Amino acid sequence: MFFRSGKKSAQDISLNEPIDTDQDGNTLTILDTMAVDGTIIEEIDTRMKSERLYGLVRSVLTPRERTIICLRYGLEGCRPQPQRVVAQRLGISRSYVSRIEKRALQKGCAALFEAAAPSGAGTVRNPPRRVRSPPAAARPGHIRTPRSAFERSLPKACSAGS
């Protein structure tokens, strides 16, 4: 009986089993020779989130909103463009590009909230709004940190750190 059980695991090898030595005389294991990238999980997570974002962009936004968001934020292989360039390309004013962009981001944010809501909780019709706090000058000891252009363009409910 002992020999039969040993026969099953006779072909098993360990990842820490030495297979050779390097130039310095250190043992080289199977694990050392395998190319393991620590960012694989992060890449998969990013890819999944990107696919989800593109799906929401395609399903929630109108073609005009989709075009403006893709041009402004460099989606679908485009380079990010300023409002001026987008406005010239579409033949509309910069303020209209800004309004369409804001509306599209709010629609996308609401769709994200709706998709993230637990199934038993129902759908979120209106995402939570931030209560406006007093200006930084009115708050003693408060240091205001600058935000990127992308963060400023997001609706308040979507911005990170809110």
N, C-alpha and C. Protein backbone atom coordinates (compact mmCIF):
# COMPACT_ATOMS: atom_id res chain seq x y z
N MET A 1 0.81 -1.19 0.00
CA MET A 1 0.00 0.00 0.00
C MET A 1 0.87 1.27 0.00
N PHE A 2 1.94 1.25 0.77
CA PHE A 2 2.83 2.40 0.85
C PHE A 2 3.42 2.72 -0.52
N PHE A 3 3.81 1.70 -1.27
CA PHE A 3 4.43 1.91 -2.58
C PHE A 3 3.44 2.47 -3.59
N ARG A 4 2.18 2.06 -3.49
CA ARG A 4 1.15 2.58 -4.40
C ARG A 4 0.92 4.08 -4.17
N SER A 5 0.86 4.48 -2.91
CA SER A 5 0.64 5.91 -2.62
C SER A 5 1.84 6.73 -3.04
N GLY A 6 3.04 6.20 -2.91
CA GLY A 6 4.24 6.89 -3.33
C GLY A 6 4.35 6.99 -4.84
N LYS A 7 3.79 6.02 -5.54
CA LYS A 7 3.83 6.00 -6.99
C LYS A 7 3.01 7.14 -7.60
N LYS A 8 1.92 7.54 -6.91
CA LYS A 8 1.07 8.63 -7.39
C LYS A 8 1.83 9.96 -7.40
N SER A 9 2.63 10.18 -6.40
CA SER A 9 3.32 11.46 -6.28
C SER A 9 4.76 11.41 -6.78
N ALA A 10 5.14 10.33 -7.45
CA ALA A 10 6.51 10.19 -7.93
C ALA A 10 6.85 11.22 -8.99
N GLN A 11 5.87 11.67 -9.78
CA GLN A 11 6.10 12.62 -10.86
C GLN A 11 5.97 14.07 -10.39
N ASP A 12 5.56 14.30 -9.16
CA ASP A 12 5.39 15.66 -8.64
C ASP A 12 6.75 16.28 -8.36
N ILE A 13 6.87 17.57 -8.68
CA ILE A 13 8.10 18.29 -8.37
C ILE A 13 7.74 19.58 -7.66
N SER A 14 8.67 20.13 -6.93
CA SER A 14 8.45 21.36 -6.20
C SER A 14 8.99 22.54 -7.00
N LEU A 15 8.36 23.69 -6.84
CA LEU A 15 8.85 24.90 -7.51
C LEU A 15 10.18 25.35 -6.90
N ASN A 16 10.44 24.93 -5.67
CA ASN A 16 11.68 25.31 -5.00
C ASN A 16 12.79 24.28 -5.20
N GLU A 17 12.55 23.28 -6.01
CA GLU A 17 13.54 22.25 -6.27
C GLU A 17 14.66 22.81 -7.13
N PRO A 18 15.93 22.62 -6.70
CA PRO A 18 17.04 23.15 -7.50
C PRO A 18 17.18 22.39 -8.81
N ILE A 19 17.36 23.15 -9.91
CA ILE A 19 17.51 22.51 -11.22
C ILE A 19 18.90 22.75 -11.80
N ASP A 20 19.59 23.78 -11.33
CA ASP A 20 20.91 24.10 -11.87
C ASP A 20 21.57 25.11 -10.93
N THR A 21 22.76 25.53 -11.28
CA THR A 21 23.44 26.58 -10.53
C THR A 21 23.78 27.70 -11.49
N ASP A 22 23.79 28.93 -10.97
CA ASP A 22 24.13 30.06 -11.82
C ASP A 22 25.65 30.26 -11.83
N GLN A 23 26.12 31.35 -12.43
CA GLN A 23 27.55 31.60 -12.58
C GLN A 23 28.25 31.78 -11.25
N ASP A 24 27.51 32.28 -10.25
CA ASP A 24 28.10 32.52 -8.94
C ASP A 24 28.07 31.28 -8.05
N GLY A 25 27.45 30.21 -8.50
CA GLY A 25 27.37 28.99 -7.71
C GLY A 25 26.09 28.89 -6.89
N ASN A 26 25.18 29.86 -7.02
CA ASN A 26 23.91 29.81 -6.32
C ASN A 26 22.98 28.83 -7.03
N THR A 27 22.15 28.16 -6.23
CA THR A 27 21.22 27.22 -6.84
C THR A 27 20.12 27.97 -7.56
N LEU A 28 19.72 27.44 -8.67
CA LEU A 28 18.67 28.01 -9.49
C LEU A 28 17.46 27.09 -9.41
N THR A 29 16.30 27.63 -9.02
CA THR A 29 15.10 26.82 -8.86
C THR A 29 14.15 27.05 -10.02
N ILE A 30 13.14 26.22 -10.12
CA ILE A 30 12.13 26.36 -11.17
C ILE A 30 11.42 27.70 -11.01
N LEU A 31 11.17 28.08 -9.77
CA LEU A 31 10.49 29.35 -9.50
C LEU A 31 11.30 30.53 -10.01
N ASP A 32 12.64 30.44 -9.92
CA ASP A 32 13.49 31.53 -10.41
C ASP A 32 13.41 31.68 -11.92
N THR A 33 13.20 30.59 -12.63
CA THR A 33 13.18 30.65 -14.08
C THR A 33 11.83 31.06 -14.65
N MET A 34 10.77 30.96 -13.83
CA MET A 34 9.43 31.34 -14.30
C MET A 34 9.31 32.86 -14.31
N ALA A 35 8.74 33.40 -15.36
CA ALA A 35 8.53 34.84 -15.46
C ALA A 35 7.18 35.16 -14.84
N VAL A 36 7.20 35.64 -13.61
CA VAL A 36 5.97 35.99 -12.92
C VAL A 36 5.95 37.50 -12.76
N ASP A 37 4.94 38.11 -13.35
CA ASP A 37 4.79 39.55 -13.27
C ASP A 37 3.79 39.87 -12.16
N GLY A 38 4.18 40.68 -11.22
CA GLY A 38 3.32 41.01 -10.09
C GLY A 38 2.14 41.88 -10.46
N THR A 39 2.16 42.46 -11.65
CA THR A 39 1.08 43.37 -12.03
C THR A 39 0.01 42.70 -12.88
N ILE A 40 0.06 41.39 -13.03
CA ILE A 40 -0.92 40.70 -13.86
C ILE A 40 -2.33 40.94 -13.33
N ILE A 41 -2.50 40.82 -12.03
CA ILE A 41 -3.82 41.02 -11.43
C ILE A 41 -4.29 42.45 -11.65
N GLU A 42 -3.38 43.40 -11.50
CA GLU A 42 -3.74 44.80 -11.72
C GLU A 42 -4.13 45.04 -13.18
N GLU A 43 -3.41 44.41 -14.11
CA GLU A 43 -3.73 44.56 -15.52
C GLU A 43 -5.10 43.98 -15.84
N ILE A 44 -5.40 42.83 -15.28
CA ILE A 44 -6.71 42.20 -15.49
C ILE A 44 -7.81 43.08 -14.92
N ASP A 45 -7.58 43.62 -13.72
CA ASP A 45 -8.57 44.50 -13.09
C ASP A 45 -8.79 45.75 -13.93
N THR A 46 -7.71 46.34 -14.42
CA THR A 46 -7.82 47.53 -15.26
C THR A 46 -8.56 47.22 -16.55
N ARG A 47 -8.25 46.07 -17.15
CA ARG A 47 -8.91 45.68 -18.40
C ARG A 47 -10.40 45.48 -18.17
N MET A 48 -10.77 44.84 -17.05
CA MET A 48 -12.19 44.61 -16.75
C MET A 48 -12.91 45.93 -16.54
N LYS A 49 -12.28 46.84 -15.80
CA LYS A 49 -12.90 48.15 -15.58
C LYS A 49 -13.03 48.94 -16.88
N SER A 50 -12.02 48.83 -17.75
CA SER A 50 -12.08 49.52 -19.04
C SER A 50 -13.21 48.98 -19.89
N GLU A 51 -13.36 47.66 -19.93
CA GLU A 51 -14.45 47.07 -20.70
C GLU A 51 -15.80 47.50 -20.16
N ARG A 52 -15.91 47.57 -18.84
CA ARG A 52 -17.16 48.04 -18.21
C ARG A 52 -17.43 49.49 -18.57
N LEU A 53 -16.40 50.32 -18.54
CA LEU A 53 -16.54 51.74 -18.89
C LEU A 53 -16.97 51.89 -20.34
N TYR A 54 -16.31 51.18 -21.26
CA TYR A 54 -16.68 51.27 -22.67
C TYR A 54 -18.10 50.78 -22.89
N GLY A 55 -18.50 49.73 -22.17
CA GLY A 55 -19.88 49.24 -22.28
C GLY A 55 -20.88 50.29 -21.85
N LEU A 56 -20.58 50.98 -20.74
CA LEU A 56 -21.48 52.04 -20.27
C LEU A 56 -21.50 53.21 -21.26
N VAL A 57 -20.35 53.56 -21.80
CA VAL A 57 -20.29 54.67 -22.76
C VAL A 57 -21.16 54.35 -23.97
N ARG A 58 -21.06 53.09 -24.44
CA ARG A 58 -21.84 52.70 -25.63
C ARG A 58 -23.34 52.61 -25.33
N SER A 59 -23.70 52.12 -24.15
CA SER A 59 -25.11 51.87 -23.87
C SER A 59 -25.86 53.07 -23.32
N VAL A 60 -25.20 53.96 -22.60
CA VAL A 60 -25.88 55.04 -21.89
C VAL A 60 -25.87 56.35 -22.67
N LEU A 61 -24.79 56.64 -23.37
CA LEU A 61 -24.64 57.96 -23.99
C LEU A 61 -25.17 57.98 -25.43
N THR A 62 -25.60 59.17 -25.82
CA THR A 62 -26.01 59.37 -27.22
C THR A 62 -24.75 59.43 -28.08
N PRO A 63 -24.88 59.28 -29.39
CA PRO A 63 -23.68 59.34 -30.26
C PRO A 63 -22.89 60.64 -30.10
N ARG A 64 -23.57 61.77 -29.98
CA ARG A 64 -22.86 63.04 -29.82
C ARG A 64 -22.11 63.10 -28.49
N GLU A 65 -22.78 62.67 -27.40
CA GLU A 65 -22.12 62.64 -26.09
C GLU A 65 -20.92 61.70 -26.13
N ARG A 66 -21.11 60.54 -26.75
CA ARG A 66 -20.03 59.55 -26.85
C ARG A 66 -18.84 60.13 -27.59
N THR A 67 -19.10 60.83 -28.69
CA THR A 67 -18.02 61.44 -29.47
C THR A 67 -17.26 62.46 -28.64
N ILE A 68 -17.99 63.31 -27.93
CA ILE A 68 -17.34 64.35 -27.13
C ILE A 68 -16.52 63.73 -26.00
N ILE A 69 -17.06 62.74 -25.31
CA ILE A 69 -16.32 62.10 -24.22
C ILE A 69 -15.07 61.40 -24.75
N CYS A 70 -15.21 60.70 -25.88
CA CYS A 70 -14.06 60.00 -26.46
C CYS A 70 -12.98 60.98 -26.88
N LEU A 71 -13.36 62.11 -27.48
CA LEU A 71 -12.38 63.09 -27.90
C LEU A 71 -11.75 63.81 -26.70
N ARG A 72 -12.56 64.16 -25.73
CA ARG A 72 -12.04 64.91 -24.58
C ARG A 72 -11.10 64.08 -23.70
N TYR A 73 -11.40 62.79 -23.51
CA TYR A 73 -10.62 61.98 -22.57
C TYR A 73 -9.73 60.95 -23.25
N GLY A 74 -9.67 60.96 -24.58
CA GLY A 74 -8.76 60.08 -25.28
C GLY A 74 -9.17 58.62 -25.25
N LEU A 75 -10.47 58.34 -25.31
CA LEU A 75 -10.93 56.96 -25.33
C LEU A 75 -10.91 56.43 -26.76
N GLU A 76 -10.95 55.13 -26.89
CA GLU A 76 -11.01 54.45 -28.19
C GLU A 76 -9.86 54.85 -29.11
N GLY A 77 -8.68 54.96 -28.57
CA GLY A 77 -7.49 55.22 -29.38
C GLY A 77 -7.23 56.66 -29.75
N CYS A 78 -8.09 57.57 -29.33
CA CYS A 78 -7.88 59.00 -29.63
C CYS A 78 -6.94 59.61 -28.59
N ARG A 79 -6.35 60.73 -28.95
CA ARG A 79 -5.58 61.49 -27.97
C ARG A 79 -6.53 62.48 -27.31
N PRO A 80 -6.36 62.77 -26.01
CA PRO A 80 -7.23 63.76 -25.36
C PRO A 80 -7.11 65.12 -26.04
N GLN A 81 -8.26 65.73 -26.29
CA GLN A 81 -8.31 67.01 -26.99
C GLN A 81 -8.90 68.08 -26.08
N PRO A 82 -8.44 69.32 -26.18
CA PRO A 82 -9.06 70.40 -25.41
C PRO A 82 -10.44 70.74 -25.99
N GLN A 83 -11.25 71.43 -25.19
CA GLN A 83 -12.60 71.78 -25.61
C GLN A 83 -12.60 72.59 -26.90
N ARG A 84 -11.63 73.43 -27.06
CA ARG A 84 -11.54 74.28 -28.25
C ARG A 84 -11.45 73.42 -29.51
N VAL A 85 -10.60 72.41 -29.50
CA VAL A 85 -10.41 71.54 -30.67
C VAL A 85 -11.68 70.72 -30.93
N VAL A 86 -12.29 70.19 -29.85
CA VAL A 86 -13.51 69.41 -30.00
C VAL A 86 -14.62 70.28 -30.58
N ALA A 87 -14.73 71.51 -30.07
CA ALA A 87 -15.77 72.43 -30.55
C ALA A 87 -15.57 72.74 -32.04
N GLN A 88 -14.33 72.99 -32.47
CA GLN A 88 -14.05 73.26 -33.88
C GLN A 88 -14.39 72.05 -34.74
N ARG A 89 -14.02 70.87 -34.26
CA ARG A 89 -14.25 69.65 -35.03
C ARG A 89 -15.74 69.37 -35.22
N LEU A 90 -16.56 69.66 -34.19
CA LEU A 90 -17.99 69.38 -34.26
C LEU A 90 -18.80 70.58 -34.74
N GLY A 91 -18.15 71.74 -34.85
CA GLY A 91 -18.85 72.93 -35.33
C GLY A 91 -19.81 73.52 -34.31
N ILE A 92 -19.46 73.42 -33.03
CA ILE A 92 -20.29 73.98 -31.96
C ILE A 92 -19.40 74.83 -31.05
N SER A 93 -20.01 75.53 -30.11
CA SER A 93 -19.23 76.39 -29.22
C SER A 93 -18.59 75.59 -28.09
N ARG A 94 -17.55 76.16 -27.49
CA ARG A 94 -16.88 75.50 -26.37
C ARG A 94 -17.81 75.33 -25.18
N SER A 95 -18.66 76.32 -24.94
CA SER A 95 -19.57 76.20 -23.80
C SER A 95 -20.56 75.07 -24.01
N TYR A 96 -20.97 74.85 -25.28
CA TYR A 96 -21.89 73.74 -25.57
C TYR A 96 -21.18 72.40 -25.39
N VAL A 97 -19.91 72.33 -25.77
CA VAL A 97 -19.12 71.12 -25.53
C VAL A 97 -19.06 70.86 -24.03
N SER A 98 -18.84 71.91 -23.25
CA SER A 98 -18.77 71.78 -21.80
C SER A 98 -20.08 71.26 -21.22
N ARG A 99 -21.21 71.79 -21.69
CA ARG A 99 -22.52 71.36 -21.19
C ARG A 99 -22.79 69.90 -21.55
N ILE A 100 -22.50 69.53 -22.79
CA ILE A 100 -22.74 68.14 -23.22
C ILE A 100 -21.83 67.19 -22.44
N GLU A 101 -20.59 67.61 -22.25
CA GLU A 101 -19.63 66.78 -21.50
C GLU A 101 -20.10 66.58 -20.06
N LYS A 102 -20.55 67.65 -19.44
CA LYS A 102 -21.03 67.57 -18.06
C LYS A 102 -22.23 66.64 -17.96
N ARG A 103 -23.17 66.79 -18.88
CA ARG A 103 -24.37 65.94 -18.88
C ARG A 103 -23.99 64.47 -19.10
N ALA A 104 -23.06 64.22 -20.01
CA ALA A 104 -22.64 62.85 -20.29
C ALA A 104 -21.95 62.23 -19.09
N LEU A 105 -21.12 63.01 -18.40
CA LEU A 105 -20.44 62.49 -17.21
C LEU A 105 -21.44 62.19 -16.09
N GLN A 106 -22.46 63.04 -15.96
CA GLN A 106 -23.48 62.78 -14.94
C GLN A 106 -24.26 61.52 -15.28
N LYS A 107 -24.59 61.32 -16.56
CA LYS A 107 -25.30 60.11 -16.97
C LYS A 107 -24.44 58.88 -16.71
N GLY A 108 -23.16 58.96 -17.03
CA GLY A 108 -22.25 57.84 -16.80
C GLY A 108 -22.09 57.54 -15.33
N CYS A 109 -21.99 58.59 -14.53
CA CYS A 109 -21.86 58.43 -13.08
C CYS A 109 -23.10 57.77 -12.50
N ALA A 110 -24.27 58.21 -12.94
CA ALA A 110 -25.52 57.63 -12.46
C ALA A 110 -25.62 56.16 -12.86
N ALA A 111 -25.17 55.83 -14.07
CA ALA A 111 -25.19 54.44 -14.52
C ALA A 111 -24.23 53.58 -13.69
N LEU A 112 -23.08 54.14 -13.33
CA LEU A 112 -22.14 53.41 -12.48
C LEU A 112 -22.74 53.15 -11.11
N PHE A 113 -23.40 54.16 -10.53
CA PHE A 113 -24.04 53.99 -9.23
C PHE A 113 -25.14 52.93 -9.32
N GLU A 114 -25.88 52.96 -10.39
CA GLU A 114 -26.97 52.01 -10.59
C GLU A 114 -26.43 50.59 -10.72
N ALA A 115 -25.33 50.44 -11.47
CA ALA A 115 -24.73 49.12 -11.67
C ALA A 115 -24.08 48.61 -10.40
N ALA A 116 -23.59 49.50 -9.56
CA ALA A 116 -22.90 49.10 -8.33
C ALA A 116 -23.85 48.83 -7.18
N ALA A 117 -25.12 49.24 -7.31
CA ALA A 117 -26.08 49.05 -6.22
C ALA A 117 -26.35 47.56 -6.03
N PRO A 118 -26.41 47.09 -4.76
CA PRO A 118 -26.73 45.69 -4.52
C PRO A 118 -28.11 45.36 -5.07
N SER A 119 -28.29 44.11 -5.50
CA SER A 119 -29.53 43.73 -6.16
C SER A 119 -30.75 43.89 -5.26
N GLY A 120 -30.61 43.70 -3.96
CA GLY A 120 -31.75 43.82 -3.05
C GLY A 120 -32.07 45.25 -2.68
N ALA A 121 -31.17 46.18 -2.99
CA ALA A 121 -31.36 47.57 -2.55
C ALA A 121 -32.16 48.39 -3.55
N GLY A 122 -32.44 47.83 -4.71
CA GLY A 122 -33.15 48.62 -5.72
C GLY A 122 -32.17 49.48 -6.48
N THR A 123 -32.66 50.29 -7.37
CA THR A 123 -31.78 51.13 -8.17
C THR A 123 -31.64 52.49 -7.53
N VAL A 124 -30.51 53.10 -7.76
CA VAL A 124 -30.25 54.44 -7.26
C VAL A 124 -30.66 55.41 -8.34
N ARG A 125 -31.70 56.17 -8.11
CA ARG A 125 -32.18 57.10 -9.14
C ARG A 125 -31.31 58.35 -9.18
N ASN A 126 -31.04 58.93 -8.04
CA ASN A 126 -30.22 60.13 -7.98
C ASN A 126 -29.00 59.84 -7.12
N PRO A 127 -27.80 59.91 -7.69
CA PRO A 127 -26.62 59.67 -6.87
C PRO A 127 -26.51 60.73 -5.78
N PRO A 128 -25.87 60.39 -4.67
CA PRO A 128 -25.77 61.36 -3.57
C PRO A 128 -25.02 62.62 -4.00
N ARG A 129 -25.50 63.74 -3.56
CA ARG A 129 -24.87 65.03 -3.87
C ARG A 129 -24.04 65.46 -2.67
N ARG A 130 -22.96 66.14 -2.98
CA ARG A 130 -22.13 66.68 -1.90
C ARG A 130 -22.74 67.96 -1.39
N VAL A 131 -22.70 68.14 -0.10
CA VAL A 131 -23.14 69.39 0.49
C VAL A 131 -21.98 70.36 0.35
N ARG A 132 -22.26 71.54 -0.17
CA ARG A 132 -21.21 72.51 -0.39
C ARG A 132 -20.67 73.01 0.95
N SER A 133 -19.36 72.89 1.09
CA SER A 133 -18.72 73.36 2.32
C SER A 133 -18.28 74.81 2.12
N PRO A 134 -18.02 75.51 3.22
CA PRO A 134 -17.59 76.90 3.09
C PRO A 134 -16.25 76.97 2.36
N PRO A 135 -15.93 78.12 1.76
CA PRO A 135 -14.65 78.25 1.05
C PRO A 135 -13.47 77.97 1.97
N ALA A 136 -12.35 77.59 1.35
CA ALA A 136 -11.16 77.21 2.12
C ALA A 136 -10.72 78.33 3.06
N ALA A 137 -10.91 79.59 2.64
CA ALA A 137 -10.49 80.71 3.48
C ALA A 137 -11.30 80.76 4.77
N ALA A 138 -12.53 80.26 4.76
CA ALA A 138 -13.39 80.31 5.95
C ALA A 138 -13.07 79.17 6.91
N ARG A 139 -12.34 78.16 6.45
CA ARG A 139 -12.00 77.03 7.32
C ARG A 139 -10.58 77.21 7.82
N PRO A 140 -10.40 77.42 9.11
CA PRO A 140 -9.05 77.64 9.63
C PRO A 140 -8.19 76.38 9.50
N GLY A 141 -6.95 76.57 9.08
CA GLY A 141 -5.99 75.48 8.99
C GLY A 141 -6.20 74.56 7.80
N HIS A 142 -7.10 74.90 6.91
CA HIS A 142 -7.36 74.03 5.75
C HIS A 142 -6.44 74.41 4.60
N ILE A 143 -5.77 73.42 4.05
CA ILE A 143 -4.90 73.63 2.91
C ILE A 143 -5.57 73.00 1.71
N ARG A 144 -5.78 73.77 0.69
CA ARG A 144 -6.46 73.27 -0.50
C ARG A 144 -5.44 72.63 -1.44
N THR A 145 -5.72 71.40 -1.86
CA THR A 145 -4.82 70.72 -2.79
C THR A 145 -5.36 70.88 -4.21
N PRO A 146 -4.46 71.10 -5.17
CA PRO A 146 -4.93 71.27 -6.55
C PRO A 146 -5.44 69.95 -7.12
N ARG A 147 -6.45 70.01 -7.99
CA ARG A 147 -7.00 68.83 -8.63
C ARG A 147 -6.65 68.86 -10.11
N SER A 148 -6.60 67.70 -10.71
CA SER A 148 -6.30 67.64 -12.14
C SER A 148 -7.52 68.10 -12.93
N ALA A 149 -7.31 68.36 -14.20
CA ALA A 149 -8.40 68.80 -15.06
C ALA A 149 -9.47 67.72 -15.18
N PHE A 150 -9.03 66.46 -15.18
CA PHE A 150 -9.99 65.36 -15.26
C PHE A 150 -10.87 65.32 -14.01
N GLU A 151 -10.26 65.47 -12.83
CA GLU A 151 -11.03 65.45 -11.58
C GLU A 151 -12.00 66.63 -11.52
N ARG A 152 -11.58 67.79 -12.02
CA ARG A 152 -12.47 68.95 -12.00
C ARG A 152 -13.65 68.76 -12.92
N SER A 153 -13.47 67.99 -14.00
CA SER A 153 -14.56 67.82 -14.95
C SER A 153 -15.59 66.77 -14.51
N LEU A 154 -15.21 65.93 -13.54
CA LEU A 154 -16.16 64.92 -13.06
C LEU A 154 -17.24 65.57 -12.22
N PRO A 155 -18.46 65.02 -12.23
CA PRO A 155 -19.47 65.53 -11.32
C PRO A 155 -19.00 65.30 -9.88
N LYS A 156 -19.48 66.10 -8.97
CA LYS A 156 -19.04 66.05 -7.58
C LYS A 156 -19.22 64.66 -6.99
N ALA A 157 -20.31 63.95 -7.32
CA ALA A 157 -20.59 62.64 -6.73
C ALA A 157 -19.60 61.59 -7.19
N CYS A 158 -18.94 61.79 -8.34
CA CYS A 158 -18.02 60.79 -8.88
C CYS A 158 -16.58 61.05 -8.48
N SER A 159 -16.25 62.25 -8.08
CA SER A 159 -14.86 62.58 -7.87
C SER A 159 -14.30 61.81 -6.69
N ALA A 160 -13.05 61.33 -6.88
CA ALA A 160 -12.38 60.55 -5.84
C ALA A 160 -12.05 61.46 -4.67
N GLY A 161 -12.09 60.89 -3.49
CA GLY A 161 -11.78 61.65 -2.31
C GLY A 161 -12.92 62.48 -1.80
N SER A 162 -14.09 62.32 -2.35
CA SER A 162 -15.26 63.09 -1.90
C SER A 162 -15.91 62.39 -0.76
